[in-house]
Amino acid sequence: MNENKTPLQRIHEELAKFEKTMAEIHLLKCVAADLRSYRRMIRVKKYD
């Protein structure tokens, strides 16, 4: 079945996968930053 696809179709599929992966990476980076901020906030509140 993959043999019947044109190279252009394959490029579009790979690009769509790449864009989805980049969106997931962006989401994970945002979550990591939020967790770092939350951890910092807890540390500050503990010493207040």
Protein backbone atom coordinates (compact mmCIF):
# COMPACT_ATOMS: atom_id res chain seq x y z
CA MET A 1 0.00 0.00 0.00
CA ASN A 2 2.85 2.44 0.78
CA GLU A 3 4.35 1.72 -2.63
CA ASN A 4 1.34 3.31 -4.33
CA LYS A 5 1.83 6.70 -2.62
CA THR A 6 3.56 9.44 -4.50
CA PRO A 7 6.65 11.06 -3.01
CA LEU A 8 4.66 14.28 -2.55
CA GLN A 9 2.06 12.45 -0.43
CA ARG A 10 4.81 10.95 1.69
CA ILE A 11 6.36 14.38 2.21
CA HIS A 12 3.00 15.79 3.31
CA GLU A 13 2.47 12.92 5.76
CA GLU A 14 5.96 13.28 7.23
CA LEU A 15 5.52 17.04 7.53
CA ALA A 16 2.19 16.56 9.33
CA LYS A 17 3.85 14.12 11.75
CA PHE A 18 6.70 16.56 12.30
CA GLU A 19 4.32 19.45 13.02
CA LYS A 20 2.37 17.32 15.49
CA THR A 21 5.59 16.32 17.24
CA MET A 22 6.75 19.93 17.44
CA ALA A 23 3.40 20.95 18.97
CA GLU A 24 3.77 18.19 21.59
CA ILE A 25 7.32 19.32 22.37
CA HIS A 26 6.12 22.91 22.80
CA LEU A 27 3.39 21.72 25.18
CA LEU A 28 5.88 19.69 27.22
CA LYS A 29 8.28 22.65 27.43
CA CYS A 30 5.44 24.83 28.75
CA VAL A 31 4.49 22.20 31.32
CA ALA A 32 8.12 21.90 32.45
CA ALA A 33 8.39 25.67 32.85
CA ASP A 34 5.15 25.73 34.86
CA LEU A 35 6.44 22.96 37.12
CA ARG A 36 9.69 24.84 37.70
CA SER A 37 7.74 27.98 38.60
CA TYR A 38 5.45 26.03 40.91
CA ARG A 39 8.43 24.40 42.63
CA ARG A 40 10.08 27.78 43.07
CA MET A 41 6.85 29.22 44.50
CA ILE A 42 6.58 26.38 47.03
CA ARG A 43 10.20 26.89 48.07
CA VAL A 44 9.60 30.61 48.61
CA LYS A 45 6.38 30.05 50.58
CA LYS A 46 8.13 27.49 52.80
CA TYR A 47 10.65 30.09 53.97
CA ASP A 48 8.11 32.92 54.39
